Amino acid sequence: MEFTPEIVDLVVARLQNLPSDKEISVGSFGEFSKSDLIDHVKKIDEIGKKMIAVELDFLRLMKEGVFYDQHSFGSHA
């Protein structure tokens, strides 16, 4: 899969919103700081590709409404 500059920028922007004092676990790759993950995404290396894939999957699932109970919104009978 080819990652466009727009996709890389989107993932970087989402990562920039993470708390700076937390580390994020990326499977068997280990734990990384926010700035480390941003560097990996910009390089589009193995870890960066994994983070891009995770973020794109998350956004796709949000679009499909997977994270929301469809019955909790709308009219309450």
N, C-alpha and C. Protein backbone atom coordinates (compact mmCIF):
# COMPACT_ATOMS: atom_id res chain seq x y z
N MET A 1 0.85 -1.18 0.00
CA MET A 1 0.00 0.00 0.00
C MET A 1 0.89 1.24 0.00
N GLU A 2 0.55 2.18 -0.85
CA GLU A 2 1.30 3.43 -0.92
C GLU A 2 0.63 4.48 -0.04
N PHE A 3 1.43 5.19 0.73
CA PHE A 3 0.89 6.22 1.62
C PHE A 3 1.19 7.59 1.04
N THR A 4 0.16 8.35 0.76
CA THR A 4 0.32 9.68 0.19
C THR A 4 0.79 10.65 1.26
N PRO A 5 1.38 11.78 0.85
CA PRO A 5 1.77 12.80 1.84
C PRO A 5 0.58 13.28 2.69
N GLU A 6 -0.61 13.30 2.11
CA GLU A 6 -1.79 13.72 2.85
C GLU A 6 -2.12 12.75 3.97
N ILE A 7 -1.97 11.46 3.70
CA ILE A 7 -2.23 10.46 4.73
C ILE A 7 -1.19 10.56 5.84
N VAL A 8 0.06 10.71 5.46
CA VAL A 8 1.13 10.86 6.46
C VAL A 8 0.85 12.09 7.32
N ASP A 9 0.48 13.21 6.69
CA ASP A 9 0.19 14.44 7.44
C ASP A 9 -0.99 14.25 8.39
N LEU A 10 -2.01 13.52 7.94
CA LEU A 10 -3.17 13.25 8.79
C LEU A 10 -2.78 12.45 10.02
N VAL A 11 -1.99 11.40 9.83
CA VAL A 11 -1.58 10.57 10.95
C VAL A 11 -0.68 11.35 11.90
N VAL A 12 0.23 12.15 11.36
CA VAL A 12 1.09 12.99 12.20
C VAL A 12 0.24 13.95 13.02
N ALA A 13 -0.76 14.57 12.40
CA ALA A 13 -1.63 15.51 13.12
C ALA A 13 -2.37 14.79 14.25
N ARG A 14 -2.84 13.59 14.01
CA ARG A 14 -3.54 12.84 15.06
C ARG A 14 -2.58 12.47 16.18
N LEU A 15 -1.36 12.08 15.83
CA LEU A 15 -0.37 11.73 16.86
C LEU A 15 0.03 12.95 17.69
N GLN A 16 0.05 14.11 17.09
CA GLN A 16 0.43 15.33 17.82
C GLN A 16 -0.55 15.64 18.95
N ASN A 17 -1.74 15.08 18.88
CA ASN A 17 -2.75 15.30 19.92
C ASN A 17 -2.61 14.36 21.11
N LEU A 18 -1.70 13.40 21.02
CA LEU A 18 -1.47 12.49 22.14
C LEU A 18 -0.71 13.21 23.25
N PRO A 19 -0.91 12.79 24.50
CA PRO A 19 -0.15 13.37 25.61
C PRO A 19 1.35 13.10 25.42
N SER A 20 2.17 14.09 25.69
CA SER A 20 3.62 13.96 25.51
C SER A 20 4.26 13.07 26.55
N ASP A 21 3.62 12.92 27.70
CA ASP A 21 4.22 12.17 28.79
C ASP A 21 3.88 10.68 28.78
N LYS A 22 3.18 10.22 27.76
CA LYS A 22 2.79 8.81 27.67
C LYS A 22 3.55 8.10 26.57
N GLU A 23 3.76 6.80 26.73
CA GLU A 23 4.35 5.99 25.68
C GLU A 23 3.27 5.09 25.10
N ILE A 24 3.39 4.83 23.81
CA ILE A 24 2.40 4.03 23.11
C ILE A 24 3.05 2.72 22.70
N SER A 25 2.38 1.62 23.00
CA SER A 25 2.87 0.30 22.64
C SER A 25 2.44 -0.02 21.22
N VAL A 26 3.39 -0.47 20.42
CA VAL A 26 3.10 -0.85 19.03
C VAL A 26 3.46 -2.33 18.88
N GLY A 27 2.55 -3.16 19.33
CA GLY A 27 2.73 -4.60 19.22
C GLY A 27 4.08 -5.08 19.70
N SER A 28 4.71 -5.93 18.92
CA SER A 28 5.99 -6.51 19.29
C SER A 28 7.16 -5.55 19.08
N PHE A 29 6.88 -4.37 18.52
CA PHE A 29 7.94 -3.39 18.29
C PHE A 29 8.38 -2.70 19.58
N GLY A 30 7.51 -2.68 20.58
CA GLY A 30 7.84 -2.05 21.85
C GLY A 30 7.04 -0.78 22.09
N GLU A 31 7.53 0.04 23.03
CA GLU A 31 6.85 1.28 23.39
C GLU A 31 7.62 2.47 22.83
N PHE A 32 6.86 3.50 22.44
CA PHE A 32 7.45 4.67 21.80
C PHE A 32 6.83 5.94 22.33
N SER A 33 7.64 6.99 22.37
CA SER A 33 7.11 8.30 22.73
C SER A 33 6.35 8.87 21.53
N LYS A 34 5.60 9.90 21.78
CA LYS A 34 4.85 10.56 20.72
C LYS A 34 5.80 11.04 19.62
N SER A 35 6.90 11.68 20.01
CA SER A 35 7.82 12.21 19.00
C SER A 35 8.50 11.09 18.21
N ASP A 36 8.79 9.96 18.88
CA ASP A 36 9.36 8.82 18.16
C ASP A 36 8.39 8.30 17.10
N LEU A 37 7.12 8.18 17.48
CA LEU A 37 6.12 7.68 16.53
C LEU A 37 5.97 8.63 15.35
N ILE A 38 5.96 9.92 15.62
CA ILE A 38 5.86 10.90 14.54
C ILE A 38 7.04 10.76 13.59
N ASP A 39 8.24 10.58 14.13
CA ASP A 39 9.43 10.38 13.28
C ASP A 39 9.29 9.13 12.41
N HIS A 40 8.80 8.04 13.01
CA HIS A 40 8.64 6.79 12.25
C HIS A 40 7.60 6.96 11.14
N VAL A 41 6.51 7.67 11.44
CA VAL A 41 5.48 7.88 10.43
C VAL A 41 6.04 8.73 9.29
N LYS A 42 6.77 9.77 9.61
CA LYS A 42 7.35 10.63 8.57
C LYS A 42 8.34 9.87 7.70
N LYS A 43 9.07 8.91 8.28
CA LYS A 43 10.02 8.09 7.53
C LYS A 43 9.32 7.00 6.72
N ILE A 44 8.09 6.70 7.11
CA ILE A 44 7.30 5.61 6.54
C ILE A 44 8.10 4.30 6.60
N ASP A 45 8.73 4.07 7.74
CA ASP A 45 9.44 2.82 7.95
C ASP A 45 8.44 1.77 8.46
N GLU A 46 8.93 0.63 8.89
CA GLU A 46 8.05 -0.47 9.30
C GLU A 46 7.10 -0.05 10.43
N ILE A 47 7.62 0.64 11.42
CA ILE A 47 6.78 1.10 12.54
C ILE A 47 5.83 2.18 12.07
N GLY A 48 6.32 3.08 11.25
CA GLY A 48 5.46 4.14 10.69
C GLY A 48 4.31 3.57 9.88
N LYS A 49 4.60 2.57 9.06
CA LYS A 49 3.54 1.94 8.26
C LYS A 49 2.50 1.29 9.17
N LYS A 50 2.96 0.67 10.26
CA LYS A 50 2.02 0.04 11.20
C LYS A 50 1.11 1.10 11.83
N MET A 51 1.70 2.22 12.24
CA MET A 51 0.90 3.29 12.85
C MET A 51 -0.08 3.88 11.86
N ILE A 52 0.35 4.07 10.61
CA ILE A 52 -0.55 4.59 9.58
C ILE A 52 -1.71 3.63 9.37
N ALA A 53 -1.42 2.33 9.29
CA ALA A 53 -2.47 1.33 9.09
C ALA A 53 -3.46 1.33 10.26
N VAL A 54 -2.94 1.41 11.48
CA VAL A 54 -3.81 1.42 12.66
C VAL A 54 -4.72 2.65 12.63
N GLU A 55 -4.15 3.80 12.34
CA GLU A 55 -4.96 5.03 12.30
C GLU A 55 -6.00 4.99 11.20
N LEU A 56 -5.64 4.49 10.01
CA LEU A 56 -6.60 4.40 8.92
C LEU A 56 -7.72 3.42 9.25
N ASP A 57 -7.38 2.30 9.88
CA ASP A 57 -8.42 1.35 10.32
C ASP A 57 -9.36 2.00 11.33
N PHE A 58 -8.78 2.73 12.29
CA PHE A 58 -9.58 3.40 13.30
C PHE A 58 -10.54 4.40 12.64
N LEU A 59 -10.04 5.20 11.71
CA LEU A 59 -10.90 6.19 11.04
C LEU A 59 -11.98 5.52 10.21
N ARG A 60 -11.66 4.41 9.56
CA ARG A 60 -12.67 3.67 8.79
C ARG A 60 -13.78 3.15 9.71
N LEU A 61 -13.38 2.60 10.85
CA LEU A 61 -14.37 2.08 11.79
C LEU A 61 -15.24 3.19 12.36
N MET A 62 -14.63 4.34 12.61
CA MET A 62 -15.43 5.48 13.10
C MET A 62 -16.45 5.89 12.05
N LYS A 63 -16.03 5.92 10.79
CA LYS A 63 -16.94 6.28 9.70
C LYS A 63 -18.12 5.32 9.63
N GLU A 64 -17.84 4.05 9.89
CA GLU A 64 -18.88 3.03 9.85
C GLU A 64 -19.74 3.02 11.10
N GLY A 65 -19.38 3.83 12.10
CA GLY A 65 -20.18 3.92 13.31
C GLY A 65 -19.94 2.79 14.30
N VAL A 66 -18.85 2.06 14.15
CA VAL A 66 -18.59 0.91 15.00
C VAL A 66 -18.44 1.31 16.47
N PHE A 67 -17.92 2.51 16.74
CA PHE A 67 -17.64 2.93 18.11
C PHE A 67 -18.84 3.58 18.79
N TYR A 68 -19.94 3.69 18.09
CA TYR A 68 -21.10 4.36 18.66
C TYR A 68 -22.29 3.42 18.67
N ASP A 69 -23.02 3.44 19.75
CA ASP A 69 -24.27 2.69 19.81
C ASP A 69 -25.30 3.50 19.03
N GLN A 70 -25.73 3.01 17.91
CA GLN A 70 -26.64 3.77 17.06
C GLN A 70 -27.96 4.06 17.76
N HIS A 71 -28.29 3.30 18.79
CA HIS A 71 -29.55 3.51 19.49
C HIS A 71 -29.44 4.58 20.56
N SER A 72 -28.22 4.99 20.89
CA SER A 72 -28.07 5.99 21.94
C SER A 72 -28.27 7.41 21.42
N PHE A 73 -28.33 7.57 20.10
CA PHE A 73 -28.56 8.87 19.50
C PHE A 73 -29.94 8.88 18.87
N GLY A 74 -30.52 10.04 18.72
CA GLY A 74 -31.81 10.15 18.08
C GLY A 74 -32.92 10.25 19.11
N SER A 75 -34.11 9.92 18.67
CA SER A 75 -35.27 10.08 19.55
C SER A 75 -35.29 9.01 20.62
N HIS A 76 -35.73 9.41 21.77
CA HIS A 76 -35.88 8.48 22.89
C HIS A 76 -37.37 8.26 23.11
N ALA A 77 -37.82 7.05 22.91
CA ALA A 77 -39.25 6.75 23.05
C ALA A 77 -39.59 6.31 24.45
